[in-house]
Amino acid sequence: MGSIDTIALRRSGLRLPRSGVLQLLSALLTLGLAWYHTGRTRKQLSKLSDEALRDLGLTRSAAEEEALRPFWDSRATDIFRPW
């Protein structure tokens, strides 16, 4: 049997397989940050004045509709879709 390619974590001494676990953690962290940003942006959009929305070319109803969408309903999840 060949040895598993591992990476040593300095302080804990814990050894993890480099390929699968770290890639998965990285993908989950990236997705979580994207979802956080999407939710935060939608909340801020709902708080804009009518004048600011007009500057963006949006109506109040369009902004409210966007703000009501769930954070996971975004382009961030496109990387996980097979089509």
PDB file of N, CA and C in Angstrom:
ATOM      1  N   MET A   1       0.834  -1.198   0.000  1.00  0.00           N
ATOM      2  CA  MET A   1       0.000   0.000   0.000  1.00  0.00           C
ATOM      3  C   MET A   1       0.862   1.238   0.000  1.00  0.00           C
ATOM      4  N   GLY A   2       0.400   2.231  -0.747  1.00  0.00           N
ATOM      5  CA  GLY A   2       1.103   3.492  -0.768  1.00  0.00           C
ATOM      6  C   GLY A   2       0.686   4.358   0.407  1.00  0.00           C
ATOM      7  N   SER A   3       1.501   5.300   0.733  1.00  0.00           N
ATOM      8  CA  SER A   3       1.164   6.182   1.852  1.00  0.00           C
ATOM      9  C   SER A   3       0.195   7.263   1.385  1.00  0.00           C
ATOM     10  N   ILE A   4      -0.613   7.714   2.308  1.00  0.00           N
ATOM     11  CA  ILE A   4      -1.568   8.793   2.015  1.00  0.00           C
ATOM     12  C   ILE A   4      -0.837  10.114   2.101  1.00  0.00           C
ATOM     13  N   ASP A   5      -1.068  10.937   1.087  1.00  0.00           N
ATOM     14  CA  ASP A   5      -0.465  12.263   1.095  1.00  0.00           C
ATOM     15  C   ASP A   5      -1.142  13.077   2.187  1.00  0.00           C
ATOM     16  N   THR A   6      -0.405  13.500   3.178  1.00  0.00           N
ATOM     17  CA  THR A   6      -0.989  14.219   4.311  1.00  0.00           C
ATOM     18  C   THR A   6      -0.327  15.565   4.507  1.00  0.00           C
ATOM     19  N   ILE A   7      -1.002  16.382   5.268  1.00  0.00           N
ATOM     20  CA  ILE A   7      -0.471  17.685   5.663  1.00  0.00           C
ATOM     21  C   ILE A   7      -0.517  17.741   7.186  1.00  0.00           C
ATOM     22  N   ALA A   8       0.548  18.157   7.780  1.00  0.00           N
ATOM     23  CA  ALA A   8       0.606  18.229   9.243  1.00  0.00           C
ATOM     24  C   ALA A   8       0.162  19.611   9.708  1.00  0.00           C
ATOM     25  N   LEU A   9      -0.729  19.636  10.638  1.00  0.00           N
ATOM     26  CA  LEU A   9      -1.134  20.897  11.242  1.00  0.00           C
ATOM     27  C   LEU A   9      -0.206  21.136  12.423  1.00  0.00           C
ATOM     28  N   ARG A  10       0.465  22.241  12.433  1.00  0.00           N
ATOM     29  CA  ARG A  10       1.587  22.499  13.340  1.00  0.00           C
ATOM     30  C   ARG A  10       1.270  22.332  14.819  1.00  0.00           C
ATOM     31  N   ARG A  11       0.281  22.995  15.313  1.00  0.00           N
ATOM     32  CA  ARG A  11       0.068  22.998  16.763  1.00  0.00           C
ATOM     33  C   ARG A  11      -0.606  21.742  17.276  1.00  0.00           C
ATOM     34  N   SER A  12      -1.590  21.245  16.564  1.00  0.00           N
ATOM     35  CA  SER A  12      -2.346  20.107  17.083  1.00  0.00           C
ATOM     36  C   SER A  12      -1.691  18.769  16.780  1.00  0.00           C
ATOM     37  N   GLY A  13      -0.859  18.724  15.755  1.00  0.00           N
ATOM     38  CA  GLY A  13      -0.255  17.468  15.366  1.00  0.00           C
ATOM     39  C   GLY A  13      -1.214  16.585  14.582  1.00  0.00           C
ATOM     40  N   LEU A  14      -2.422  17.073  14.326  1.00  0.00           N
ATOM     41  CA  LEU A  14      -3.416  16.333  13.567  1.00  0.00           C
ATOM     42  C   LEU A  14      -3.006  16.262  12.102  1.00  0.00           C
ATOM     43  N   ARG A  15      -3.205  15.092  11.493  1.00  0.00           N
ATOM     44  CA  ARG A  15      -2.835  14.926  10.090  1.00  0.00           C
ATOM     45  C   ARG A  15      -4.097  14.601   9.296  1.00  0.00           C
ATOM     46  N   LEU A  16      -4.322  15.353   8.236  1.00  0.00           N
ATOM     47  CA  LEU A  16      -5.505  15.175   7.397  1.00  0.00           C
ATOM     48  C   LEU A  16      -5.093  14.843   5.971  1.00  0.00           C
ATOM     49  N   PRO A  17      -5.884  14.052   5.265  1.00  0.00           N
ATOM     50  CA  PRO A  17      -5.609  13.855   3.843  1.00  0.00           C
ATOM     51  C   PRO A  17      -5.754  15.183   3.119  1.00  0.00           C
ATOM     52  N   ARG A  18      -4.789  15.538   2.312  1.00  0.00           N
ATOM     53  CA  ARG A  18      -4.765  16.833   1.655  1.00  0.00           C
ATOM     54  C   ARG A  18      -5.877  16.964   0.626  1.00  0.00           C
ATOM     55  N   SER A  19      -6.108  15.946  -0.146  1.00  0.00           N
ATOM     56  CA  SER A  19      -6.983  16.075  -1.299  1.00  0.00           C
ATOM     57  C   SER A  19      -8.441  16.325  -0.948  1.00  0.00           C
ATOM     58  N   GLY A  20      -9.099  15.388  -0.327  1.00  0.00           N
ATOM     59  CA  GLY A  20     -10.536  15.466  -0.155  1.00  0.00           C
ATOM     60  C   GLY A  20     -11.033  16.394   0.929  1.00  0.00           C
ATOM     61  N   VAL A  21     -10.529  16.239   2.125  1.00  0.00           N
ATOM     62  CA  VAL A  21     -11.063  16.972   3.276  1.00  0.00           C
ATOM     63  C   VAL A  21     -10.833  18.476   3.140  1.00  0.00           C
ATOM     64  N   LEU A  22      -9.640  18.880   2.789  1.00  0.00           N
ATOM     65  CA  LEU A  22      -9.347  20.309   2.697  1.00  0.00           C
ATOM     66  C   LEU A  22     -10.098  20.966   1.540  1.00  0.00           C
ATOM     67  N   GLN A  23     -10.252  20.256   0.444  1.00  0.00           N
ATOM     68  CA  GLN A  23     -11.019  20.809  -0.670  1.00  0.00           C
ATOM     69  C   GLN A  23     -12.476  20.980  -0.288  1.00  0.00           C
ATOM     70  N   LEU A  24     -13.024  20.001   0.413  1.00  0.00           N
ATOM     71  CA  LEU A  24     -14.402  20.094   0.855  1.00  0.00           C
ATOM     72  C   LEU A  24     -14.583  21.251   1.835  1.00  0.00           C
ATOM     73  N   LEU A  25     -13.706  21.375   2.809  1.00  0.00           N
ATOM     74  CA  LEU A  25     -13.792  22.477   3.768  1.00  0.00           C
ATOM     75  C   LEU A  25     -13.664  23.826   3.081  1.00  0.00           C
ATOM     76  N   SER A  26     -12.772  23.911   2.126  1.00  0.00           N
ATOM     77  CA  SER A  26     -12.592  25.154   1.383  1.00  0.00           C
ATOM     78  C   SER A  26     -13.852  25.516   0.609  1.00  0.00           C
ATOM     79  N   ALA A  27     -14.455  24.525  -0.052  1.00  0.00           N
ATOM     80  CA  ALA A  27     -15.685  24.765  -0.816  1.00  0.00           C
ATOM     81  C   ALA A  27     -16.827  25.194   0.098  1.00  0.00           C
ATOM     82  N   LEU A  28     -16.952  24.539   1.252  1.00  0.00           N
ATOM     83  CA  LEU A  28     -18.018  24.888   2.197  1.00  0.00           C
ATOM     84  C   LEU A  28     -17.821  26.285   2.785  1.00  0.00           C
ATOM     85  N   LEU A  29     -16.587  26.630   3.085  1.00  0.00           N
ATOM     86  CA  LEU A  29     -16.301  27.970   3.597  1.00  0.00           C
ATOM     87  C   LEU A  29     -16.619  29.025   2.535  1.00  0.00           C
ATOM     88  N   THR A  30     -16.226  28.773   1.320  1.00  0.00           N
ATOM     89  CA  THR A  30     -16.502  29.708   0.221  1.00  0.00           C
ATOM     90  C   THR A  30     -17.998  29.884   0.021  1.00  0.00           C
ATOM     91  N   LEU A  31     -18.729  28.785   0.035  1.00  0.00           N
ATOM     92  CA  LEU A  31     -20.178  28.855  -0.131  1.00  0.00           C
ATOM     93  C   LEU A  31     -20.828  29.588   1.042  1.00  0.00           C
ATOM     94  N   GLY A  32     -20.386  29.297   2.245  1.00  0.00           N
ATOM     95  CA  GLY A  32     -20.934  29.980   3.423  1.00  0.00           C
ATOM     96  C   GLY A  32     -20.710  31.479   3.381  1.00  0.00           C
ATOM     97  N   LEU A  33     -19.524  31.890   2.970  1.00  0.00           N
ATOM     98  CA  LEU A  33     -19.241  33.324   2.852  1.00  0.00           C
ATOM     99  C   LEU A  33     -20.082  33.973   1.754  1.00  0.00           C
ATOM    100  N   ALA A  34     -20.273  33.276   0.654  1.00  0.00           N
ATOM    101  CA  ALA A  34     -21.106  33.806  -0.427  1.00  0.00           C
ATOM    102  C   ALA A  34     -22.548  33.953   0.035  1.00  0.00           C
ATOM    103  N   TRP A  35     -23.060  32.957   0.767  1.00  0.00           N
ATOM    104  CA  TRP A  35     -24.419  33.038   1.288  1.00  0.00           C
ATOM    105  C   TRP A  35     -24.562  34.168   2.286  1.00  0.00           C
ATOM    106  N   TYR A  36     -23.567  34.358   3.144  1.00  0.00           N
ATOM    107  CA  TYR A  36     -23.597  35.458   4.108  1.00  0.00           C
ATOM    108  C   TYR A  36     -23.663  36.795   3.376  1.00  0.00           C
ATOM    109  N   HIS A  37     -22.826  36.951   2.363  1.00  0.00           N
ATOM    110  CA  HIS A  37     -22.788  38.187   1.595  1.00  0.00           C
ATOM    111  C   HIS A  37     -24.123  38.429   0.884  1.00  0.00           C
ATOM    112  N   THR A  38     -24.703  37.373   0.313  1.00  0.00           N
ATOM    113  CA  THR A  38     -25.988  37.500  -0.380  1.00  0.00           C
ATOM    114  C   THR A  38     -27.081  37.939   0.582  1.00  0.00           C
ATOM    115  N   GLY A  39     -27.161  37.305   1.738  1.00  0.00           N
ATOM    116  CA  GLY A  39     -28.183  37.672   2.724  1.00  0.00           C
ATOM    117  C   GLY A  39     -28.012  39.090   3.225  1.00  0.00           C
ATOM    118  N   ARG A  40     -26.769  39.466   3.481  1.00  0.00           N
ATOM    119  CA  ARG A  40     -26.490  40.816   3.974  1.00  0.00           C
ATOM    120  C   ARG A  40     -26.832  41.872   2.912  1.00  0.00           C
ATOM    121  N   THR A  41     -26.471  41.600   1.676  1.00  0.00           N
ATOM    122  CA  THR A  41     -26.750  42.530   0.593  1.00  0.00           C
ATOM    123  C   THR A  41     -28.250  42.702   0.393  1.00  0.00           C
ATOM    124  N   ARG A  42     -28.990  41.603   0.458  1.00  0.00           N
ATOM    125  CA  ARG A  42     -30.448  41.688   0.292  1.00  0.00           C
ATOM    126  C   ARG A  42     -31.094  42.456   1.429  1.00  0.00           C
ATOM    127  N   LYS A  43     -30.588  42.298   2.641  1.00  0.00           N
ATOM    128  CA  LYS A  43     -31.119  43.050   3.772  1.00  0.00           C
ATOM    129  C   LYS A  43     -30.850  44.548   3.587  1.00  0.00           C
ATOM    130  N   GLN A  44     -29.650  44.897   3.133  1.00  0.00           N
ATOM    131  CA  GLN A  44     -29.308  46.299   2.893  1.00  0.00           C
ATOM    132  C   GLN A  44     -30.152  46.883   1.771  1.00  0.00           C
ATOM    133  N   LEU A  45     -30.425  46.092   0.744  1.00  0.00           N
ATOM    134  CA  LEU A  45     -31.244  46.546  -0.371  1.00  0.00           C
ATOM    135  C   LEU A  45     -32.637  46.944   0.117  1.00  0.00           C
ATOM    136  N   SER A  46     -33.178  46.178   1.039  1.00  0.00           N
ATOM    137  CA  SER A  46     -34.526  46.467   1.545  1.00  0.00           C
ATOM    138  C   SER A  46     -34.578  47.759   2.355  1.00  0.00           C
ATOM    139  N   LYS A  47     -33.423  48.244   2.819  1.00  0.00           N
ATOM    140  CA  LYS A  47     -33.381  49.452   3.639  1.00  0.00           C
ATOM    141  C   LYS A  47     -33.086  50.722   2.855  1.00  0.00           C
ATOM    142  N   LEU A  48     -32.836  50.592   1.548  1.00  0.00           N
ATOM    143  CA  LEU A  48     -32.512  51.768   0.743  1.00  0.00           C
ATOM    144  C   LEU A  48     -33.737  52.655   0.548  1.00  0.00           C
ATOM    145  N   SER A  49     -33.487  53.927   0.397  1.00  0.00           N
ATOM    146  CA  SER A  49     -34.571  54.871   0.136  1.00  0.00           C
ATOM    147  C   SER A  49     -35.052  54.711  -1.309  1.00  0.00           C
ATOM    148  N   ASP A  50     -36.245  55.257  -1.581  1.00  0.00           N
ATOM    149  CA  ASP A  50     -36.782  55.203  -2.943  1.00  0.00           C
ATOM    150  C   ASP A  50     -35.860  55.922  -3.926  1.00  0.00           C
ATOM    151  N   GLU A  51     -35.241  56.991  -3.471  1.00  0.00           N
ATOM    152  CA  GLU A  51     -34.320  57.744  -4.332  1.00  0.00           C
ATOM    153  C   GLU A  51     -33.085  56.901  -4.682  1.00  0.00           C
ATOM    154  N   ALA A  52     -32.547  56.211  -3.696  1.00  0.00           N
ATOM    155  CA  ALA A  52     -31.383  55.357  -3.949  1.00  0.00           C
ATOM    156  C   ALA A  52     -31.751  54.200  -4.878  1.00  0.00           C
ATOM    157  N   LEU A  53     -32.941  53.655  -4.694  1.00  0.00           N
ATOM    158  CA  LEU A  53     -33.389  52.575  -5.579  1.00  0.00           C
ATOM    159  C   LEU A  53     -33.554  53.070  -7.010  1.00  0.00           C
ATOM    160  N   ARG A  54     -34.081  54.274  -7.160  1.00  0.00           N
ATOM    161  CA  ARG A  54     -34.202  54.851  -8.509  1.00  0.00           C
ATOM    162  C   ARG A  54     -32.838  55.012  -9.158  1.00  0.00           C
ATOM    163  N   ASP A  55     -31.847  55.423  -8.368  1.00  0.00           N
ATOM    164  CA  ASP A  55     -30.483  55.553  -8.897  1.00  0.00           C
ATOM    165  C   ASP A  55     -29.956  54.211  -9.407  1.00  0.00           C
ATOM    166  N   LEU A  56     -30.392  53.137  -8.781  1.00  0.00           N
ATOM    167  CA  LEU A  56     -29.977  51.803  -9.205  1.00  0.00           C
ATOM    168  C   LEU A  56     -30.858  51.228 -10.309  1.00  0.00           C
ATOM    169  N   GLY A  57     -31.930  51.944 -10.627  1.00  0.00           N
ATOM    170  CA  GLY A  57     -32.848  51.475 -11.655  1.00  0.00           C
ATOM    171  C   GLY A  57     -33.814  50.418 -11.154  1.00  0.00           C
ATOM    172  N   LEU A  58     -34.109  50.445  -9.837  1.00  0.00           N
ATOM    173  CA  LEU A  58     -35.012  49.473  -9.239  1.00  0.00           C
ATOM    174  C   LEU A  58     -36.245  50.155  -8.670  1.00  0.00           C
ATOM    175  N   THR A  59     -37.328  49.422  -8.658  1.00  0.00           N
ATOM    176  CA  THR A  59     -38.533  49.907  -7.997  1.00  0.00           C
ATOM    177  C   THR A  59     -38.559  49.346  -6.575  1.00  0.00           C
ATOM    178  N   ARG A  60     -39.387  49.933  -5.745  1.00  0.00           N
ATOM    179  CA  ARG A  60     -39.525  49.459  -4.362  1.00  0.00           C
ATOM    180  C   ARG A  60     -40.013  48.008  -4.362  1.00  0.00           C
ATOM    181  N   SER A  61     -40.976  47.691  -5.233  1.00  0.00           N
ATOM    182  CA  SER A  61     -41.514  46.323  -5.251  1.00  0.00           C
ATOM    183  C   SER A  61     -40.453  45.313  -5.711  1.00  0.00           C
ATOM    184  N   ALA A  62     -39.609  45.686  -6.672  1.00  0.00           N
ATOM    185  CA  ALA A  62     -38.540  44.792  -7.131  1.00  0.00           C
ATOM    186  C   ALA A  62     -37.511  44.572  -6.011  1.00  0.00           C
ATOM    187  N   ALA A  63     -37.196  45.634  -5.273  1.00  0.00           N
ATOM    188  CA  ALA A  63     -36.239  45.529  -4.170  1.00  0.00           C
ATOM    189  C   ALA A  63     -36.797  44.646  -3.061  1.00  0.00           C
ATOM    190  N   GLU A  64     -38.080  44.805  -2.744  1.00  0.00           N
ATOM    191  CA  GLU A  64     -38.702  43.990  -1.704  1.00  0.00           C
ATOM    192  C   GLU A  64     -38.777  42.525  -2.124  1.00  0.00           C
ATOM    193  N   GLU A  65     -39.077  42.303  -3.399  1.00  0.00           N
ATOM    194  CA  GLU A  65     -39.126  40.930  -3.908  1.00  0.00           C
ATOM    195  C   GLU A  65     -37.752  40.266  -3.799  1.00  0.00           C
ATOM    196  N   GLU A  66     -36.713  40.994  -4.150  1.00  0.00           N
ATOM    197  CA  GLU A  66     -35.351  40.461  -4.049  1.00  0.00           C
ATOM    198  C   GLU A  66     -34.970  40.225  -2.594  1.00  0.00           C
ATOM    199  N   ALA A  67     -35.335  41.137  -1.718  1.00  0.00           N
ATOM    200  CA  ALA A  67     -34.988  41.028  -0.294  1.00  0.00           C
ATOM    201  C   ALA A  67     -35.677  39.840   0.372  1.00  0.00           C
ATOM    202  N   LEU A  68     -36.818  39.422  -0.139  1.00  0.00           N
ATOM    203  CA  LEU A  68     -37.549  38.300   0.442  1.00  0.00           C
ATOM    204  C   LEU A  68     -37.025  36.943  -0.010  1.00  0.00           C
ATOM    205  N   ARG A  69     -36.184  36.919  -1.031  1.00  0.00           N
ATOM    206  CA  ARG A  69     -35.615  35.642  -1.484  1.00  0.00           C
ATOM    207  C   ARG A  69     -34.681  35.092  -0.413  1.00  0.00           C
ATOM    208  N   PRO A  70     -34.646  33.778  -0.228  1.00  0.00           N
ATOM    209  CA  PRO A  70     -33.739  33.190   0.764  1.00  0.00           C
ATOM    210  C   PRO A  70     -32.276  33.345   0.338  1.00  0.00           C
ATOM    211  N   PHE A  71     -31.384  33.386   1.304  1.00  0.00           N
ATOM    212  CA  PHE A  71     -29.964  33.615   1.020  1.00  0.00           C
ATOM    213  C   PHE A  71     -29.369  32.538   0.131  1.00  0.00           C
ATOM    214  N   TRP A  72     -29.887  31.309   0.212  1.00  0.00           N
ATOM    215  CA  TRP A  72     -29.308  30.218  -0.581  1.00  0.00           C
ATOM    216  C   TRP A  72     -29.773  30.242  -2.029  1.00  0.00           C
ATOM    217  N   ASP A  73     -30.777  31.072  -2.341  1.00  0.00           N
ATOM    218  CA  ASP A  73     -31.276  31.194  -3.707  1.00  0.00           C
ATOM    219  C   ASP A  73     -30.450  32.258  -4.429  1.00  0.00           C
ATOM    220  N   SER A  74     -29.257  31.858  -4.831  1.00  0.00           N
ATOM    221  CA  SER A  74     -28.348  32.815  -5.455  1.00  0.00           C
ATOM    222  C   SER A  74     -27.447  32.112  -6.455  1.00  0.00           C
ATOM    223  N   ARG A  75     -26.668  32.874  -7.164  1.00  0.00           N
ATOM    224  CA  ARG A  75     -25.740  32.318  -8.142  1.00  0.00           C
ATOM    225  C   ARG A  75     -24.588  31.587  -7.464  1.00  0.00           C
ATOM    226  N   ALA A  76     -24.416  31.783  -6.172  1.00  0.00           N
ATOM    227  CA  ALA A  76     -23.323  31.127  -5.450  1.00  0.00           C
ATOM    228  C   ALA A  76     -23.453  29.610  -5.503  1.00  0.00           C
ATOM    229  N   THR A  77     -24.689  29.109  -5.582  1.00  0.00           N
ATOM    230  CA  THR A  77     -24.887  27.664  -5.605  1.00  0.00           C
ATOM    231  C   THR A  77     -24.753  27.076  -7.007  1.00  0.00           C
ATOM    232  N   ASP A  78     -24.558  27.892  -8.025  1.00  0.00           N
ATOM    233  CA  ASP A  78     -24.433  27.388  -9.393  1.00  0.00           C
ATOM    234  C   ASP A  78     -23.262  26.428  -9.562  1.00  0.00           C
ATOM    235  N   ILE A  79     -22.220  26.596  -8.765  1.00  0.00           N
ATOM    236  CA  ILE A  79     -21.064  25.716  -8.902  1.00  0.00           C
ATOM    237  C   ILE A  79     -21.364  24.284  -8.475  1.00  0.00           C
ATOM    238  N   PHE A  80     -22.475  24.085  -7.740  1.00  0.00           N
ATOM    239  CA  PHE A  80     -22.837  22.752  -7.283  1.00  0.00           C
ATOM    240  C   PHE A  80     -23.901  22.097  -8.169  1.00  0.00           C
ATOM    241  N   ARG A  81     -24.384  22.816  -9.193  1.00  0.00           N
ATOM    242  CA  ARG A  81     -25.386  22.244 -10.081  1.00  0.00           C
ATOM    243  C   ARG A  81     -24.716  21.524 -11.231  1.00  0.00           C
ATOM    244  N   PRO A  82     -25.192  20.312 -11.537  1.00  0.00           N
ATOM    245  CA  PRO A  82     -24.551  19.544 -12.608  1.00  0.00           C
ATOM    246  C   PRO A  82     -24.918  20.012 -14.008  1.00  0.00           C
ATOM    247  N   TRP A  83     -25.926  20.843 -14.164  1.00  0.00           N
ATOM    248  CA  TRP A  83     -26.323  21.281 -15.505  1.00  0.00           C
ATOM    249  C   TRP A  83     -25.860  22.654 -15.841  1.00  0.00           C
TER     250      TRP A  83
END
